Amino acid sequence: MNRLSQALSKTFIFPDNPRMADEHLSQVMPAADTRIRTLVLSGRHLLNQKGNHSPTAVKTARTKQDAMERKTGGGGGGGKEGGKVVLIDPSLVFRPEEAIKKSGWNFRNFETDLTNQWMDTVKQTYLNMHTHQCVEYVQKKHKEWGQFNKFKSTIMEALVKLNDLVDESDPDVQVPNIIHAFQTAERLREAHPEKEWLHLTGLIHDLGKVMAFYGEPQWSTVGDTFVVGCAFPSSIVYRDSTFHNNPDLKNPKFNTKHGMYEPNCGLRNVFISWGHDEYMYQVLKHNKCTLPEEAMYIIRFHSFYPWHTGKDYMHLCDNRDLEMLPWIREFNKFDLYTKKEKVPDIESLMPYYQSLIDKYCPGVLSW
């Protein structure tokens, strides 16, 4: 995917001849990327010059292609589906979820697989989480970790710790979390080169998982988050099979749509299950880091899948939450769909990301 992105973002027009197009792609993509090459070559493609991926430019390219088809009677070979020429929008380079869907890769598949022992681990993590994460528990964790007296370290020192952490809630990969951190950061850097704060956000978004090295169980550190103190929606992972022993189910006050909250009170005023999102947000805030509000929202809510993907809890959102939601959804594409990419050369990337740390989160932090 990285090589494809680099190729498509340059001044480059695929020839109308599919064979020649394949030759061009063969020069920039390894044989291992056959699925993605097939995806791109599924029809004749036009990319506008100078790396212009705007919707207007893409529409212009499609108009030119349609005119060509009418003029030639639709001949000329190349990919067709149902008699229509397939034109791949070049902006797919920066919308990886669309390419991934067509590639056949399967992410966030939480279905039980009796032959997959790892999925047993994943479900057990969520079972423990959904059993113990209640209003009382979350409030207790805010007090405990809100003292910021666990340890002191720089951002990079904490990040290196993730080399020894494998997320037990993740059904997609079983690699150290530091690899995912750099994968996410690098793809964001590629897609949004001018937004250096977003590159750093990608690098540190999971850094709150260091709690696992200081006595916090993984079910209280990793995984999707959800609101406590109101009804649990069906969009929560394993909703129907893991909440039966949650103590909040016995409190009628916590089992209505709004529960203990006022309508449109704002997500900053609700208690969300304790985990690395909230902890890292609080660490950055406590240490007066200067990342913009968009970054802070991303870090605080990127695991809040029932909201940003499931579209639940909208009745608790205020206007600011809804304004920030597109940023979280944009980030999520790179958080999720980079997991199958090659392992980056972390050592060579360290100087660049250290410069961003020095700018936004310098020195030794209290954790």
Protein backbone atom coordinates (compact mmCIF):
# COMPACT_ATOMS: atom_id res chain seq x y z
CA MET A 1 0.00 0.00 0.00
CA ASN A 2 2.81 2.43 0.75
CA ARG A 3 4.41 1.95 -2.66
CA LEU A 4 1.06 2.29 -4.36
CA SER A 5 0.36 5.51 -2.49
CA GLN A 6 3.71 6.93 -3.52
CA ALA A 7 3.18 5.98 -7.14
CA LEU A 8 -0.30 7.43 -7.41
CA SER A 9 0.57 10.65 -5.62
CA LYS A 10 3.23 11.57 -8.20
CA THR A 11 2.62 13.21 -11.58
CA PHE A 12 1.47 10.04 -13.28
CA ILE A 13 -1.20 9.06 -15.80
CA PHE A 14 -1.99 5.44 -16.48
CA PRO A 15 -2.03 4.77 -20.21
CA ASP A 16 -5.44 3.86 -21.55
CA ASN A 17 -4.01 0.53 -22.62
CA PRO A 18 -4.42 -1.94 -19.71
CA ARG A 19 -1.31 -3.88 -20.65
CA MET A 20 0.83 -0.76 -20.53
CA ALA A 21 -0.80 0.23 -17.24
CA ASP A 22 0.18 -3.11 -15.75
CA GLU A 23 3.77 -2.56 -16.92
CA HIS A 24 3.84 0.80 -15.18
CA LEU A 25 2.49 -0.64 -11.95
CA SER A 26 4.93 -3.54 -12.10
CA GLN A 27 7.77 -1.04 -11.89
CA VAL A 28 6.55 0.48 -8.64
CA MET A 29 4.88 -2.44 -6.87
CA PRO A 30 6.25 -5.84 -5.81
CA ALA A 31 4.62 -9.07 -6.88
CA ALA A 32 3.37 -9.51 -3.33
CA ASP A 33 0.95 -6.64 -3.93
CA THR A 34 -0.95 -8.57 -6.59
CA ARG A 35 -4.33 -8.04 -4.94
CA ILE A 36 -3.93 -4.28 -4.85
CA ARG A 37 -2.55 -4.18 -8.41
CA THR A 38 -5.57 -6.16 -9.57
CA LEU A 39 -7.77 -3.71 -7.74
CA VAL A 40 -6.22 -0.74 -9.53
CA LEU A 41 -6.16 -2.44 -12.91
CA SER A 42 -9.77 -3.58 -12.78
CA GLY A 43 -10.51 -1.07 -15.56
CA ARG A 44 -8.89 1.69 -17.55
CA HIS A 45 -7.80 4.50 -15.25
CA LEU A 46 -7.21 8.20 -15.61
CA LEU A 47 -5.27 10.11 -12.99
CA ASN A 48 -5.14 13.86 -13.32
CA GLN A 49 -1.70 15.43 -13.34
CA LYS A 50 0.28 16.99 -10.46
CA GLY A 51 -1.18 14.68 -7.84
CA ASN A 52 -4.54 16.49 -7.79
CA HIS A 53 -6.90 14.16 -5.91
CA SER A 54 -9.72 16.63 -5.39
CA PRO A 55 -13.34 15.55 -6.02
CA THR A 56 -13.55 18.10 -8.84
CA ALA A 57 -10.51 16.68 -10.58
CA VAL A 58 -11.80 13.14 -10.21
CA LYS A 59 -15.18 14.15 -11.61
CA THR A 60 -13.42 15.78 -14.57
CA ALA A 61 -11.48 12.59 -15.20
CA ARG A 62 -14.68 10.57 -15.13
CA THR A 63 -16.36 12.99 -17.54
CA LYS A 64 -13.47 12.63 -19.97
CA GLN A 65 -13.63 8.86 -19.68
CA ASP A 66 -17.40 8.84 -20.28
CA ALA A 67 -17.00 11.03 -23.35
CA MET A 68 -14.31 8.71 -24.67
CA GLU A 69 -16.60 5.72 -24.18
CA ARG A 70 -19.48 7.38 -26.03
CA LYS A 71 -17.16 8.31 -28.86
CA THR A 72 -15.62 4.86 -29.21
CA GLY A 73 -18.75 2.88 -28.45
CA GLY A 74 -17.25 1.51 -25.27
CA GLY A 75 -14.57 -0.53 -27.05
CA GLY A 76 -10.91 -0.83 -26.33
CA GLY A 77 -10.83 -3.70 -23.84
CA GLY A 78 -10.06 -3.15 -20.17
CA GLY A 79 -12.15 -3.80 -17.11
CA LYS A 80 -15.93 -3.61 -17.33
CA GLU A 81 -18.58 -4.50 -14.80
CA GLY A 82 -22.08 -4.85 -16.12
CA GLY A 83 -21.12 -3.00 -19.30
CA LYS A 84 -19.70 -0.02 -17.38
CA VAL A 85 -16.08 1.02 -17.35
CA VAL A 86 -14.59 0.83 -13.85
CA LEU A 87 -12.74 4.00 -12.90
CA ILE A 88 -10.84 3.89 -9.64
CA ASP A 89 -11.01 7.20 -7.81
CA PRO A 90 -7.36 8.16 -7.16
CA SER A 91 -8.36 9.54 -3.78
CA LEU A 92 -8.71 5.90 -2.69
CA VAL A 93 -5.01 6.21 -1.92
CA PHE A 94 -6.03 8.32 1.05
CA ARG A 95 -9.23 6.39 1.81
CA PRO A 96 -7.67 3.02 2.63
CA GLU A 97 -10.87 1.53 4.02
CA GLU A 98 -12.38 1.38 0.53
CA ALA A 99 -9.37 -0.36 -0.96
CA ILE A 100 -9.17 -2.75 1.96
CA LYS A 101 -12.83 -3.72 1.60
CA LYS A 102 -12.24 -4.63 -2.03
CA SER A 103 -8.99 -6.43 -1.27
CA GLY A 104 -10.67 -9.10 0.84
CA TRP A 105 -8.87 -8.32 4.08
CA ASN A 106 -11.15 -8.67 7.08
CA PHE A 107 -10.76 -6.35 10.06
CA ARG A 108 -12.55 -6.27 13.43
CA ASN A 109 -14.06 -9.69 12.97
CA PHE A 110 -15.07 -10.72 16.49
CA GLU A 111 -16.91 -13.88 15.50
CA THR A 112 -16.07 -16.93 17.59
CA ASP A 113 -13.72 -19.34 15.85
CA LEU A 114 -13.26 -22.65 17.63
CA THR A 115 -10.00 -23.23 15.78
CA ASN A 116 -8.53 -19.85 16.74
CA GLN A 117 -7.18 -19.78 20.29
CA TRP A 118 -6.39 -16.07 20.00
CA MET A 119 -10.09 -15.27 19.58
CA ASP A 120 -10.72 -17.01 22.90
CA THR A 121 -8.27 -14.56 24.46
CA VAL A 122 -9.99 -11.63 22.78
CA LYS A 123 -13.44 -12.63 23.98
CA GLN A 124 -12.22 -13.31 27.50
CA THR A 125 -10.72 -9.82 27.60
CA TYR A 126 -14.08 -8.31 26.67
CA LEU A 127 -15.94 -10.59 29.07
CA ASN A 128 -13.79 -9.33 31.95
CA MET A 129 -14.17 -5.75 30.76
CA HIS A 130 -17.94 -5.93 30.46
CA THR A 131 -18.25 -7.66 33.80
CA HIS A 132 -16.20 -5.20 35.86
CA GLN A 133 -16.39 -1.85 34.07
CA CYS A 134 -19.24 -0.06 35.84
CA VAL A 135 -19.80 3.46 37.19
CA GLU A 136 -18.15 2.75 40.53
CA TYR A 137 -15.13 1.09 38.92
CA VAL A 138 -14.55 3.86 36.37
CA GLN A 139 -14.80 6.59 38.99
CA LYS A 140 -12.29 4.72 41.16
CA LYS A 141 -9.83 4.48 38.24
CA HIS A 142 -10.09 8.20 37.54
CA LYS A 143 -9.05 8.90 41.10
CA GLU A 144 -6.24 6.35 41.10
CA TRP A 145 -4.58 7.24 37.81
CA GLY A 146 -5.46 10.92 38.10
CA GLN A 147 -2.75 11.34 40.74
CA PHE A 148 -0.06 10.90 38.03
CA ASN A 149 2.28 9.27 40.52
CA LYS A 150 2.91 5.94 38.80
CA PHE A 151 6.16 6.80 37.02
CA LYS A 152 8.03 9.52 35.16
CA SER A 153 9.38 9.24 31.63
CA THR A 154 9.64 10.95 28.28
CA ILE A 155 7.16 10.14 25.53
CA MET A 156 9.76 8.14 23.61
CA GLU A 157 10.78 6.13 26.68
CA ALA A 158 7.16 5.24 27.29
CA LEU A 159 6.68 4.37 23.64
CA VAL A 160 9.55 1.90 23.71
CA LYS A 161 7.72 0.04 26.48
CA LEU A 162 4.99 -0.83 23.95
CA ASN A 163 7.52 -3.08 22.25
CA ASP A 164 6.64 -5.58 25.00
CA LEU A 165 2.85 -5.24 24.72
CA VAL A 166 0.51 -7.28 22.54
CA ASP A 167 -3.08 -6.03 22.71
CA GLU A 168 -5.29 -8.93 23.89
CA SER A 169 -8.47 -7.24 22.62
CA ASP A 170 -7.31 -7.01 19.00
CA PRO A 171 -8.66 -9.72 16.66
CA ASP A 172 -6.54 -8.53 13.74
CA VAL A 173 -2.88 -8.76 14.75
CA GLN A 174 -0.66 -10.10 17.49
CA VAL A 175 2.37 -7.84 17.12
CA PRO A 176 3.97 -5.43 19.60
CA ASN A 177 2.01 -2.20 19.86
CA ILE A 178 5.01 -0.04 18.97
CA ILE A 179 4.83 -1.40 15.41
CA HIS A 180 1.20 -0.34 15.08
CA ALA A 181 2.10 3.10 16.46
CA PHE A 182 4.65 3.76 13.73
CA GLN A 183 2.48 2.21 11.02
CA THR A 184 -0.38 4.55 11.90
CA ALA A 185 1.87 7.59 12.17
CA GLU A 186 3.58 6.97 8.85
CA ARG A 187 0.36 6.51 6.91
CA LEU A 188 -1.03 9.70 8.41
CA ARG A 189 2.21 11.45 7.50
CA GLU A 190 1.88 10.22 3.94
CA ALA A 191 -1.76 11.25 3.58
CA HIS A 192 -1.54 14.52 5.54
CA PRO A 193 2.08 15.69 5.12
CA GLU A 194 1.33 19.23 6.26
CA LYS A 195 -0.27 18.21 9.59
CA GLU A 196 2.67 17.28 11.78
CA TRP A 197 0.48 17.28 14.89
CA LEU A 198 -1.54 14.48 13.30
CA HIS A 199 1.61 12.43 12.68
CA LEU A 200 2.46 12.65 16.37
CA THR A 201 -1.13 11.85 17.31
CA GLY A 202 -0.84 8.65 15.28
CA LEU A 203 2.35 7.76 17.09
CA ILE A 204 1.08 8.24 20.64
CA HIS A 205 -2.63 7.47 20.34
CA ASP A 206 -2.24 4.08 22.09
CA LEU A 207 0.47 5.16 24.51
CA GLY A 208 -1.90 5.00 27.45
CA LYS A 209 -1.55 1.24 27.24
CA VAL A 210 1.59 1.59 29.36
CA MET A 211 -0.84 1.18 32.27
CA ALA A 212 -0.50 -2.56 31.64
CA PHE A 213 3.10 -2.37 32.92
CA TYR A 214 2.00 -0.77 36.17
CA GLY A 215 -0.55 -3.22 37.47
CA GLU A 216 -3.57 -2.50 35.29
CA PRO A 217 -5.13 -5.59 33.65
CA GLN A 218 -5.56 -5.51 29.90
CA TRP A 219 -9.36 -5.51 30.18
CA SER A 220 -8.98 -2.15 31.94
CA THR A 221 -6.43 -0.85 29.44
CA VAL A 222 -7.21 -1.95 25.87
CA GLY A 223 -10.26 -2.54 23.69
CA ASP A 224 -13.36 -0.66 22.58
CA THR A 225 -14.83 1.76 25.09
CA PHE A 226 -18.45 2.48 26.01
CA VAL A 227 -20.41 4.78 28.31
CA VAL A 228 -21.19 3.60 31.83
CA GLY A 229 -24.18 4.99 33.70
CA CYS A 230 -26.73 4.51 30.93
CA ALA A 231 -28.11 1.65 28.82
CA PHE A 232 -25.54 -0.42 26.94
CA PRO A 233 -26.33 -0.26 23.18
CA SER A 234 -26.22 -3.22 20.82
CA SER A 235 -23.24 -1.79 18.91
CA ILE A 236 -20.87 -2.75 21.73
CA VAL A 237 -18.67 -5.73 20.88
CA TYR A 238 -20.12 -8.96 22.36
CA ARG A 239 -23.02 -6.96 23.83
CA ASP A 240 -25.38 -9.94 24.11
CA SER A 241 -22.97 -12.42 25.66
CA THR A 242 -20.67 -10.59 28.08
CA PHE A 243 -22.63 -8.07 30.19
CA HIS A 244 -24.77 -10.46 32.21
CA ASN A 245 -22.75 -9.97 35.42
CA ASN A 246 -22.20 -6.22 35.14
CA PRO A 247 -23.40 -4.69 38.44
CA ASP A 248 -24.89 -1.63 36.72
CA LEU A 249 -27.58 -3.83 35.17
CA LYS A 250 -29.11 -4.07 38.64
CA ASN A 251 -29.55 -0.31 38.93
CA PRO A 252 -32.65 0.93 37.04
CA LYS A 253 -31.19 4.44 36.94
CA PHE A 254 -28.35 3.21 34.72
CA ASN A 255 -30.55 1.29 32.28
CA THR A 256 -32.38 4.05 30.45
CA LYS A 257 -31.30 5.85 27.29
CA HIS A 258 -29.85 8.84 29.14
CA GLY A 259 -29.23 7.14 32.47
CA MET A 260 -27.43 9.46 34.89
CA TYR A 261 -26.79 12.10 32.23
CA GLU A 262 -28.62 15.07 30.76
CA PRO A 263 -29.46 15.10 27.03
CA ASN A 264 -26.67 16.61 24.92
CA CYS A 265 -24.50 17.11 27.99
CA GLY A 266 -21.32 16.55 25.98
CA LEU A 267 -19.03 13.54 26.03
CA ARG A 268 -16.59 15.38 28.28
CA ASN A 269 -19.27 15.13 30.98
CA VAL A 270 -19.92 11.40 30.80
CA PHE A 271 -17.98 8.48 32.25
CA ILE A 272 -16.58 6.15 29.59
CA SER A 273 -15.16 2.74 30.42
CA TRP A 274 -11.64 3.10 31.73
CA GLY A 275 -8.82 2.50 29.28
CA HIS A 276 -5.83 3.90 27.47
CA ASP A 277 -7.81 6.60 25.62
CA GLU A 278 -8.94 8.50 28.68
CA TYR A 279 -5.69 7.93 30.52
CA MET A 280 -3.49 9.27 27.73
CA TYR A 281 -5.76 12.28 27.29
CA GLN A 282 -5.44 13.05 31.00
CA VAL A 283 -1.65 12.58 30.92
CA LEU A 284 -1.27 15.05 28.06
CA LYS A 285 -3.60 17.54 29.71
CA HIS A 286 -1.89 17.26 33.11
CA ASN A 287 1.56 17.76 31.58
CA LYS A 288 0.37 20.78 29.57
CA CYS A 289 1.20 19.33 26.17
CA THR A 290 0.34 21.65 23.30
CA LEU A 291 -1.32 19.36 20.79
CA PRO A 292 -4.43 20.97 19.25
CA GLU A 293 -7.96 20.17 20.36
CA GLU A 294 -8.48 17.87 17.37
CA ALA A 295 -5.58 15.70 18.52
CA MET A 296 -6.88 15.57 22.07
CA TYR A 297 -10.31 14.44 20.87
CA ILE A 298 -8.76 11.75 18.69
CA ILE A 299 -6.67 10.40 21.55
CA ARG A 300 -9.58 10.50 23.99
CA PHE A 301 -12.20 8.87 21.78
CA HIS A 302 -10.49 6.80 19.07
CA SER A 303 -11.50 3.51 20.77
CA PHE A 304 -15.08 4.70 21.28
CA TYR A 305 -16.38 2.54 18.40
CA PRO A 306 -20.03 2.45 19.52
CA TRP A 307 -20.03 6.21 18.95
CA HIS A 308 -17.82 7.02 15.97
CA THR A 309 -18.67 3.85 14.04
CA GLY A 310 -21.82 2.45 15.66
CA LYS A 311 -23.44 5.93 15.73
CA ASP A 312 -24.79 5.40 19.23
CA TYR A 313 -24.71 7.95 22.06
CA MET A 314 -25.49 10.86 19.73
CA HIS A 315 -28.12 11.96 22.26
CA LEU A 316 -25.30 12.66 24.72
CA CYS A 317 -23.20 14.72 22.30
CA ASP A 318 -23.02 18.49 22.23
CA ASN A 319 -22.12 20.57 19.19
CA ARG A 320 -18.38 20.38 19.87
CA ASP A 321 -18.45 16.58 19.90
CA LEU A 322 -20.16 16.55 16.51
CA GLU A 323 -17.69 19.06 15.12
CA MET A 324 -14.79 16.83 16.19
CA LEU A 325 -16.35 13.56 15.01
CA PRO A 326 -15.09 13.84 11.39
CA TRP A 327 -11.51 14.09 12.67
CA ILE A 328 -11.92 10.93 14.71
CA ARG A 329 -13.42 9.07 11.76
CA GLU A 330 -10.62 10.23 9.49
CA PHE A 331 -8.04 9.07 12.01
CA ASN A 332 -9.79 5.74 12.47
CA LYS A 333 -9.17 4.78 8.85
CA PHE A 334 -5.44 4.92 9.43
CA ASP A 335 -5.59 3.42 12.91
CA LEU A 336 -7.48 0.37 11.65
CA TYR A 337 -6.40 -0.25 8.07
CA THR A 338 -2.62 -0.02 8.52
CA LYS A 339 -2.39 -3.24 10.50
CA LYS A 340 -1.52 -5.43 7.52
CA GLU A 341 1.24 -3.19 6.22
CA LYS A 342 4.93 -3.93 6.39
CA VAL A 343 6.86 -3.22 9.57
CA PRO A 344 8.42 0.25 9.34
CA ASP A 345 12.08 0.96 9.98
CA ILE A 346 11.48 2.35 13.44
CA GLU A 347 15.06 3.32 14.17
CA SER A 348 15.33 5.49 11.06
CA LEU A 349 12.04 7.24 11.93
CA MET A 350 12.98 8.09 15.50
CA PRO A 351 14.66 11.47 14.79
CA TYR A 352 11.62 12.88 12.97
CA TYR A 353 9.17 11.87 15.66
CA GLN A 354 11.49 12.98 18.44
CA SER A 355 11.43 16.45 16.89
CA LEU A 356 7.63 16.44 17.11
CA ILE A 357 7.73 15.25 20.69
CA ASP A 358 10.14 18.05 21.54
CA LYS A 359 7.71 20.54 20.03
CA TYR A 360 4.43 19.35 21.53
CA CYS A 361 5.24 17.11 24.53
CA PRO A 362 8.82 17.87 25.61
CA GLY A 363 10.78 16.61 28.56
CA VAL A 364 9.91 14.16 31.31
CA LEU A 365 6.20 13.67 31.94
CA SER A 366 4.36 12.53 35.06
CA TRP A 367 2.29 9.44 34.42
